[in-house]
Amino acid sequence: MAPVKKPGIRVNILAGGTRADETAERLNTLGFNIKAVSKEIGHASATKLCRSIIIKGLEALLVDCAKASEHAGVQEDVFASLKETFPSIDWHALAEDMKERVATHGIRRSEEMREAGGMLADFGFDAELALAVANAHARGAKPRG
């Protein structure tokens, strides 16, 4: 449910299914941070994927915004305007962080967003935006080699 780098195995993990409580209890004694959220299969996954729509979408938007505004020579004005709207956010730092996250994890995140798109389609919702976010993450990923 969050970046793993800093917390390691203490990262928030959701579990679902008939043995979620038992699994969480056993693994938490080893240092994990698992929260059993439902006996129903799919609840934890839906929570993760719905959250990802926001997180990965914001990352894709900010990476594109930073790139375009820098190219146009208006990044300082754009970030100053964003700072007025959301004063608690350091837009320069967030843009750099998100650029790195997309570059490093873009392929995996792209696949996750394709899963989110599939979930939306299964629900009868339009998946176009989730798939566009998936494409943005794939486009921003550093080539492996």
Protein backbone atom coordinates (compact mmCIF):
# COMPACT_ATOMS: atom_id res chain seq x y z
CA MET A 1 0.00 0.00 0.00
CA ALA A 2 3.06 2.29 -0.10
CA PRO A 3 6.64 2.47 -1.36
CA VAL A 4 8.66 -0.41 0.10
CA LYS A 5 12.13 1.16 0.08
CA LYS A 6 12.03 2.86 3.51
CA PRO A 7 9.83 0.52 5.59
CA GLY A 8 10.97 -2.72 3.97
CA ILE A 9 8.89 -5.63 5.30
CA ARG A 10 7.07 -3.16 7.59
CA VAL A 11 5.29 -1.65 4.57
CA ASN A 12 1.50 -1.69 4.90
CA ILE A 13 0.07 -4.83 3.30
CA LEU A 14 -3.61 -5.70 3.01
CA ALA A 15 -4.79 -9.30 3.13
CA GLY A 16 -8.13 -10.82 2.28
CA GLY A 17 -9.69 -14.23 2.22
CA THR A 18 -10.78 -16.84 4.70
CA ARG A 19 -7.28 -17.19 6.20
CA ALA A 20 -6.31 -13.49 6.12
CA ASP A 21 -6.44 -13.11 9.91
CA GLU A 22 -4.33 -16.21 10.50
CA THR A 23 -1.82 -15.25 7.80
CA ALA A 24 -1.48 -11.70 9.13
CA GLU A 25 -0.99 -12.94 12.68
CA ARG A 26 1.74 -15.40 11.68
CA LEU A 27 3.65 -13.05 9.41
CA ASN A 28 3.33 -10.02 11.68
CA THR A 29 5.21 -11.93 14.39
CA LEU A 30 8.11 -12.04 11.88
CA GLY A 31 8.06 -8.27 11.43
CA PHE A 32 5.55 -7.78 8.64
CA ASN A 33 2.77 -5.19 8.81
CA ILE A 34 -0.22 -7.03 7.38
CA LYS A 35 -3.80 -5.94 8.01
CA ALA A 36 -6.56 -8.46 7.38
CA VAL A 37 -9.33 -6.41 5.79
CA SER A 38 -11.93 -8.94 4.68
CA LYS A 39 -12.84 -12.59 4.51
CA GLU A 40 -14.00 -11.84 0.96
CA ILE A 41 -11.52 -12.51 -1.84
CA GLY A 42 -10.85 -9.36 -3.87
CA HIS A 43 -11.48 -6.71 -1.19
CA ALA A 44 -7.78 -6.11 -0.50
CA SER A 45 -6.92 -6.12 -4.21
CA ALA A 46 -9.73 -3.70 -5.05
CA THR A 47 -8.54 -1.37 -2.28
CA LYS A 48 -4.98 -1.45 -3.63
CA LEU A 49 -6.04 -0.95 -7.25
CA CYS A 50 -8.44 1.91 -6.45
CA ARG A 51 -5.67 3.64 -4.48
CA SER A 52 -3.31 3.07 -7.40
CA ILE A 53 -5.65 4.89 -9.76
CA ILE A 54 -4.97 8.05 -7.72
CA ILE A 55 -1.29 7.52 -6.89
CA LYS A 56 -0.13 6.34 -10.31
CA GLY A 57 -2.38 8.89 -12.02
CA LEU A 58 -0.90 11.75 -10.01
CA GLU A 59 2.60 10.52 -10.76
CA ALA A 60 1.91 10.36 -14.50
CA LEU A 61 0.29 13.81 -14.50
CA LEU A 62 3.08 15.46 -12.51
CA VAL A 63 5.83 13.89 -14.62
CA ASP A 64 4.16 15.16 -17.81
CA CYS A 65 3.45 18.58 -16.24
CA ALA A 66 7.05 18.99 -15.09
CA LYS A 67 8.45 17.94 -18.46
CA ALA A 68 6.12 20.17 -20.48
CA SER A 69 6.43 23.20 -18.19
CA GLU A 70 10.22 22.92 -18.15
CA HIS A 71 10.29 22.64 -21.96
CA ALA A 72 8.06 25.72 -22.26
CA GLY A 73 10.14 27.66 -19.74
CA VAL A 74 7.17 28.14 -17.41
CA GLN A 75 7.86 25.59 -14.69
CA GLU A 76 8.49 28.17 -11.95
CA ASP A 77 5.18 29.88 -12.73
CA VAL A 78 3.29 26.58 -12.88
CA PHE A 79 4.75 25.28 -9.63
CA ALA A 80 4.15 28.65 -7.92
CA SER A 81 0.50 28.48 -8.99
CA LEU A 82 0.21 24.90 -7.74
CA LYS A 83 1.82 25.98 -4.45
CA GLU A 84 -0.93 28.58 -4.00
CA THR A 85 -3.59 25.90 -4.48
CA PHE A 86 -1.79 23.21 -2.41
CA PRO A 87 0.55 25.13 -0.05
CA SER A 88 1.77 22.07 1.86
CA ILE A 89 3.37 20.47 -1.21
CA ASP A 90 6.92 21.09 -2.40
CA TRP A 91 6.16 20.69 -6.11
CA HIS A 92 9.81 20.63 -7.24
CA ALA A 93 10.71 17.87 -4.79
CA LEU A 94 7.54 15.91 -5.52
CA ALA A 95 8.08 16.15 -9.28
CA GLU A 96 11.65 14.84 -8.93
CA ASP A 97 10.54 12.04 -6.62
CA MET A 98 7.74 10.97 -8.94
CA LYS A 99 9.99 11.16 -12.00
CA GLU A 100 12.42 8.79 -10.27
CA ARG A 101 9.65 6.44 -9.16
CA VAL A 102 8.20 6.25 -12.67
CA ALA A 103 11.64 5.73 -14.22
CA THR A 104 12.55 2.99 -11.74
CA HIS A 105 9.19 1.22 -11.38
CA GLY A 106 7.32 2.26 -14.53
CA ILE A 107 7.06 -1.18 -16.12
CA ARG A 108 5.62 -2.82 -12.99
CA ARG A 109 3.34 0.16 -12.32
CA SER A 110 2.17 0.12 -15.92
CA GLU A 111 1.06 -3.48 -15.49
CA GLU A 112 -0.64 -2.62 -12.20
CA MET A 113 -2.59 0.14 -13.94
CA ARG A 114 -3.61 -2.29 -16.69
CA GLU A 115 -5.00 -4.45 -13.87
CA ALA A 116 -6.83 -1.40 -12.51
CA GLY A 117 -8.22 -0.81 -16.00
CA GLY A 118 -9.39 -4.42 -16.13
CA MET A 119 -11.08 -4.01 -12.75
CA LEU A 120 -12.84 -0.85 -13.94
CA ALA A 121 -14.00 -2.63 -17.09
CA ASP A 122 -15.23 -5.57 -14.99
CA PHE A 123 -17.27 -3.07 -12.97
CA GLY A 124 -18.76 -1.70 -16.20
CA PHE A 125 -16.78 1.57 -15.96
CA ASP A 126 -14.66 3.26 -18.62
CA ALA A 127 -11.02 2.15 -18.27
CA GLU A 128 -9.56 4.65 -20.75
CA LEU A 129 -7.92 6.91 -18.14
CA ALA A 130 -6.35 3.99 -16.23
CA LEU A 131 -4.94 2.63 -19.49
CA ALA A 132 -3.57 6.07 -20.42
CA VAL A 133 -1.84 6.17 -17.03
CA ALA A 134 -0.45 2.68 -17.72
CA ASN A 135 0.94 3.91 -21.03
CA ALA A 136 2.47 6.99 -19.36
CA HIS A 137 4.28 4.82 -16.80
CA ALA A 138 5.57 2.48 -19.50
CA ARG A 139 6.76 5.49 -21.55
CA GLY A 140 8.55 6.99 -18.51
CA ALA A 141 10.30 3.78 -17.45
CA LYS A 142 14.07 3.60 -17.76
CA PRO A 143 15.08 0.94 -20.27
CA ARG A 144 16.49 -2.13 -18.55
CA GLY A 145 19.76 -3.39 -19.74
